[in-house]
Amino acid sequence: MTAQGDAGQPAAVAGAMGLEELLALPATVNVVTAARALGIGRDKAYGLLRGGAFPVRTLQLGDTVRVPTAGLWKVLGVEAPSVPEGRP
């Protein structure tokens, strides 16, 4: 059984990220942080990685796996914040 919100909608996944936190992420994140952004658990994320089905391109750097934040934004349908004109 799933928890229901006020309008009968499923409640947010515990620990899932809000938009503000998602937009504040650095250029790459670890798998656990990416899983939180996607609203899935750590074990599910690593299972998807092992099966080659993780929904975002990953970067294998030796024993470390990093997930590009831009890829997370794209999968989640979030547009990167625009930089005001005249700012680098």
N, C-alpha and C. Protein backbone atom coordinates (compact mmCIF):
# COMPACT_ATOMS: atom_id res chain seq x y z
N MET A 1 0.84 -1.17 0.00
CA MET A 1 0.00 0.00 0.00
C MET A 1 0.88 1.23 0.00
N THR A 2 0.51 2.27 -0.77
CA THR A 2 1.30 3.49 -0.84
C THR A 2 0.64 4.59 -0.04
N ALA A 3 1.45 5.49 0.48
CA ALA A 3 0.91 6.64 1.20
C ALA A 3 0.23 7.57 0.20
N GLN A 4 -0.84 8.18 0.62
CA GLN A 4 -1.58 9.08 -0.25
C GLN A 4 -1.50 10.51 0.27
N GLY A 5 -1.35 11.46 -0.65
CA GLY A 5 -1.36 12.86 -0.29
C GLY A 5 -2.78 13.36 -0.13
N ASP A 6 -2.95 14.66 0.04
CA ASP A 6 -4.26 15.26 0.27
C ASP A 6 -5.25 15.00 -0.85
N ALA A 7 -4.80 15.01 -2.09
CA ALA A 7 -5.71 14.87 -3.24
C ALA A 7 -5.76 13.43 -3.75
N GLY A 8 -5.36 12.47 -2.91
CA GLY A 8 -5.38 11.08 -3.34
C GLY A 8 -4.18 10.71 -4.20
N GLN A 9 -3.23 11.62 -4.35
CA GLN A 9 -2.02 11.37 -5.12
C GLN A 9 -0.99 10.71 -4.22
N PRO A 10 -0.10 9.87 -4.78
CA PRO A 10 0.94 9.26 -3.95
C PRO A 10 1.79 10.34 -3.30
N ALA A 11 2.11 10.15 -2.04
CA ALA A 11 2.98 11.10 -1.34
C ALA A 11 4.38 11.02 -1.92
N ALA A 12 5.16 12.07 -1.74
CA ALA A 12 6.53 12.12 -2.26
C ALA A 12 7.36 11.01 -1.62
N VAL A 13 8.30 10.50 -2.38
CA VAL A 13 9.20 9.47 -1.88
C VAL A 13 10.03 10.10 -0.76
N ALA A 14 10.14 9.41 0.35
CA ALA A 14 10.91 9.92 1.48
C ALA A 14 12.34 10.22 1.03
N GLY A 15 12.80 11.42 1.30
CA GLY A 15 14.15 11.81 0.94
C GLY A 15 14.33 12.26 -0.49
N ALA A 16 13.26 12.23 -1.30
CA ALA A 16 13.37 12.66 -2.70
C ALA A 16 13.67 14.16 -2.73
N MET A 17 14.31 14.59 -3.79
CA MET A 17 14.71 15.99 -3.93
C MET A 17 13.60 16.86 -4.48
N GLY A 18 13.59 18.08 -4.00
CA GLY A 18 12.72 19.10 -4.56
C GLY A 18 13.45 19.80 -5.70
N LEU A 19 12.74 20.61 -6.44
CA LEU A 19 13.31 21.31 -7.59
C LEU A 19 14.49 22.20 -7.20
N GLU A 20 14.36 22.92 -6.11
CA GLU A 20 15.43 23.84 -5.70
C GLU A 20 16.73 23.08 -5.41
N GLU A 21 16.62 21.95 -4.71
CA GLU A 21 17.79 21.14 -4.41
C GLU A 21 18.38 20.54 -5.69
N LEU A 22 17.51 20.10 -6.59
CA LEU A 22 17.95 19.52 -7.86
C LEU A 22 18.73 20.53 -8.68
N LEU A 23 18.26 21.76 -8.72
CA LEU A 23 18.94 22.80 -9.50
C LEU A 23 20.25 23.25 -8.86
N ALA A 24 20.43 22.98 -7.58
CA ALA A 24 21.65 23.40 -6.87
C ALA A 24 22.75 22.34 -6.90
N LEU A 25 22.51 21.21 -7.55
CA LEU A 25 23.51 20.14 -7.59
C LEU A 25 24.75 20.56 -8.37
N PRO A 26 25.92 20.02 -8.01
CA PRO A 26 27.13 20.28 -8.78
C PRO A 26 27.06 19.60 -10.14
N ALA A 27 28.08 19.78 -10.95
CA ALA A 27 28.08 19.26 -12.33
C ALA A 27 27.91 17.75 -12.41
N THR A 28 28.49 17.01 -11.46
CA THR A 28 28.29 15.56 -11.39
C THR A 28 27.98 15.19 -9.95
N VAL A 29 27.26 14.09 -9.79
CA VAL A 29 26.91 13.61 -8.46
C VAL A 29 27.17 12.11 -8.37
N ASN A 30 27.18 11.58 -7.16
CA ASN A 30 27.36 10.14 -6.99
C ASN A 30 26.04 9.43 -7.26
N VAL A 31 26.08 8.12 -7.30
CA VAL A 31 24.91 7.32 -7.64
C VAL A 31 23.79 7.49 -6.61
N VAL A 32 24.14 7.57 -5.35
CA VAL A 32 23.12 7.71 -4.30
C VAL A 32 22.38 9.04 -4.45
N THR A 33 23.09 10.10 -4.73
CA THR A 33 22.45 11.40 -4.94
C THR A 33 21.58 11.38 -6.18
N ALA A 34 22.07 10.76 -7.25
CA ALA A 34 21.28 10.63 -8.48
C ALA A 34 20.01 9.84 -8.22
N ALA A 35 20.12 8.78 -7.41
CA ALA A 35 18.95 7.98 -7.06
C ALA A 35 17.92 8.82 -6.33
N ARG A 36 18.36 9.63 -5.39
CA ARG A 36 17.43 10.53 -4.67
C ARG A 36 16.73 11.47 -5.64
N ALA A 37 17.49 12.01 -6.60
CA ALA A 37 16.91 12.93 -7.58
C ALA A 37 15.84 12.21 -8.42
N LEU A 38 16.09 10.96 -8.72
CA LEU A 38 15.16 10.16 -9.53
C LEU A 38 14.01 9.58 -8.71
N GLY A 39 14.11 9.68 -7.38
CA GLY A 39 13.06 9.15 -6.53
C GLY A 39 13.10 7.65 -6.38
N ILE A 40 14.31 7.08 -6.52
CA ILE A 40 14.46 5.63 -6.34
C ILE A 40 15.47 5.38 -5.23
N GLY A 41 15.51 4.18 -4.73
CA GLY A 41 16.43 3.83 -3.66
C GLY A 41 17.82 3.49 -4.17
N ARG A 42 18.75 3.45 -3.24
CA ARG A 42 20.15 3.15 -3.54
C ARG A 42 20.29 1.78 -4.20
N ASP A 43 19.65 0.76 -3.60
CA ASP A 43 19.77 -0.60 -4.13
C ASP A 43 19.21 -0.69 -5.55
N LYS A 44 18.08 -0.03 -5.79
CA LYS A 44 17.49 -0.03 -7.13
C LYS A 44 18.44 0.63 -8.13
N ALA A 45 19.04 1.76 -7.73
CA ALA A 45 19.96 2.48 -8.61
C ALA A 45 21.15 1.61 -8.99
N TYR A 46 21.76 0.95 -7.99
CA TYR A 46 22.91 0.11 -8.29
C TYR A 46 22.50 -1.11 -9.11
N GLY A 47 21.31 -1.62 -8.89
CA GLY A 47 20.81 -2.73 -9.70
C GLY A 47 20.65 -2.32 -11.16
N LEU A 48 20.11 -1.13 -11.37
CA LEU A 48 19.96 -0.62 -12.74
C LEU A 48 21.32 -0.41 -13.39
N LEU A 49 22.28 0.10 -12.63
CA LEU A 49 23.64 0.28 -13.16
C LEU A 49 24.24 -1.05 -13.59
N ARG A 50 24.14 -2.04 -12.71
CA ARG A 50 24.70 -3.36 -13.03
C ARG A 50 24.04 -3.96 -14.27
N GLY A 51 22.76 -3.71 -14.44
CA GLY A 51 22.02 -4.26 -15.58
C GLY A 51 22.11 -3.40 -16.83
N GLY A 52 22.86 -2.29 -16.75
CA GLY A 52 23.00 -1.41 -17.91
C GLY A 52 21.73 -0.64 -18.24
N ALA A 53 20.85 -0.48 -17.25
CA ALA A 53 19.56 0.17 -17.50
C ALA A 53 19.38 1.47 -16.73
N PHE A 54 20.46 2.02 -16.18
CA PHE A 54 20.33 3.29 -15.45
C PHE A 54 19.87 4.34 -16.45
N PRO A 55 18.87 5.16 -16.10
CA PRO A 55 18.26 6.06 -17.08
C PRO A 55 19.09 7.27 -17.49
N VAL A 56 20.25 7.43 -16.89
CA VAL A 56 21.12 8.57 -17.19
C VAL A 56 22.51 8.03 -17.53
N ARG A 57 23.15 8.63 -18.53
CA ARG A 57 24.53 8.27 -18.86
C ARG A 57 25.40 8.47 -17.63
N THR A 58 26.30 7.55 -17.38
CA THR A 58 27.19 7.65 -16.23
C THR A 58 28.64 7.73 -16.69
N LEU A 59 29.48 8.20 -15.81
CA LEU A 59 30.91 8.30 -16.08
C LEU A 59 31.64 7.36 -15.14
N GLN A 60 32.34 6.39 -15.68
CA GLN A 60 33.13 5.45 -14.89
C GLN A 60 34.53 6.04 -14.75
N LEU A 61 34.91 6.39 -13.54
CA LEU A 61 36.22 6.98 -13.27
C LEU A 61 36.95 6.07 -12.29
N GLY A 62 37.63 5.07 -12.83
CA GLY A 62 38.26 4.06 -11.98
C GLY A 62 37.17 3.27 -11.26
N ASP A 63 37.22 3.26 -9.94
CA ASP A 63 36.22 2.56 -9.15
C ASP A 63 35.01 3.44 -8.82
N THR A 64 35.03 4.67 -9.29
CA THR A 64 33.98 5.63 -8.97
C THR A 64 33.04 5.82 -10.15
N VAL A 65 31.75 5.91 -9.87
CA VAL A 65 30.76 6.21 -10.90
C VAL A 65 30.17 7.58 -10.58
N ARG A 66 30.19 8.46 -11.57
CA ARG A 66 29.59 9.79 -11.41
C ARG A 66 28.46 9.92 -12.42
N VAL A 67 27.47 10.72 -12.05
CA VAL A 67 26.31 10.93 -12.91
C VAL A 67 26.25 12.43 -13.23
N PRO A 68 26.30 12.80 -14.52
CA PRO A 68 26.21 14.21 -14.89
C PRO A 68 24.83 14.78 -14.52
N THR A 69 24.85 15.89 -13.82
CA THR A 69 23.60 16.53 -13.39
C THR A 69 22.75 16.95 -14.58
N ALA A 70 23.37 17.40 -15.65
CA ALA A 70 22.60 17.80 -16.83
C ALA A 70 21.77 16.63 -17.36
N GLY A 71 22.32 15.42 -17.29
CA GLY A 71 21.58 14.23 -17.71
C GLY A 71 20.38 13.97 -16.81
N LEU A 72 20.56 14.18 -15.51
CA LEU A 72 19.43 14.03 -14.58
C LEU A 72 18.33 15.03 -14.92
N TRP A 73 18.74 16.28 -15.13
CA TRP A 73 17.75 17.32 -15.46
C TRP A 73 16.98 16.93 -16.72
N LYS A 74 17.70 16.44 -17.72
CA LYS A 74 17.05 16.07 -18.99
C LYS A 74 16.03 14.95 -18.79
N VAL A 75 16.43 13.89 -18.09
CA VAL A 75 15.53 12.76 -17.85
C VAL A 75 14.30 13.21 -17.05
N LEU A 76 14.49 14.14 -16.14
CA LEU A 76 13.39 14.60 -15.30
C LEU A 76 12.58 15.74 -15.93
N GLY A 77 13.01 16.20 -17.10
CA GLY A 77 12.28 17.27 -17.79
C GLY A 77 12.45 18.63 -17.14
N VAL A 78 13.62 18.83 -16.52
CA VAL A 78 13.91 20.09 -15.85
C VAL A 78 14.87 20.89 -16.73
N GLU A 79 14.55 22.13 -16.95
CA GLU A 79 15.45 22.99 -17.74
C GLU A 79 16.49 23.60 -16.84
N ALA A 80 17.72 23.66 -17.34
CA ALA A 80 18.79 24.29 -16.59
C ALA A 80 18.46 25.76 -16.39
N PRO A 81 18.81 26.31 -15.23
CA PRO A 81 18.53 27.73 -15.00
C PRO A 81 19.30 28.57 -16.01
N SER A 82 18.67 29.61 -16.50
CA SER A 82 19.34 30.48 -17.46
C SER A 82 20.25 31.46 -16.72
N VAL A 83 21.33 31.81 -17.40
CA VAL A 83 22.27 32.78 -16.85
C VAL A 83 21.89 34.15 -17.38
N PRO A 84 21.71 35.15 -16.50
CA PRO A 84 21.34 36.48 -16.98
C PRO A 84 22.38 37.00 -17.98
N GLU A 85 21.91 37.76 -18.96
CA GLU A 85 22.79 38.31 -19.98
C GLU A 85 23.87 39.15 -19.35
N GLY A 86 25.09 39.03 -19.88
CA GLY A 86 26.22 39.81 -19.36
C GLY A 86 26.95 39.11 -18.23
N ARG A 87 26.48 37.93 -17.82
CA ARG A 87 27.17 37.18 -16.76
C ARG A 87 27.78 35.93 -17.39
N PRO A 88 28.96 35.55 -16.94
CA PRO A 88 29.63 34.36 -17.50
C PRO A 88 28.94 33.09 -17.13
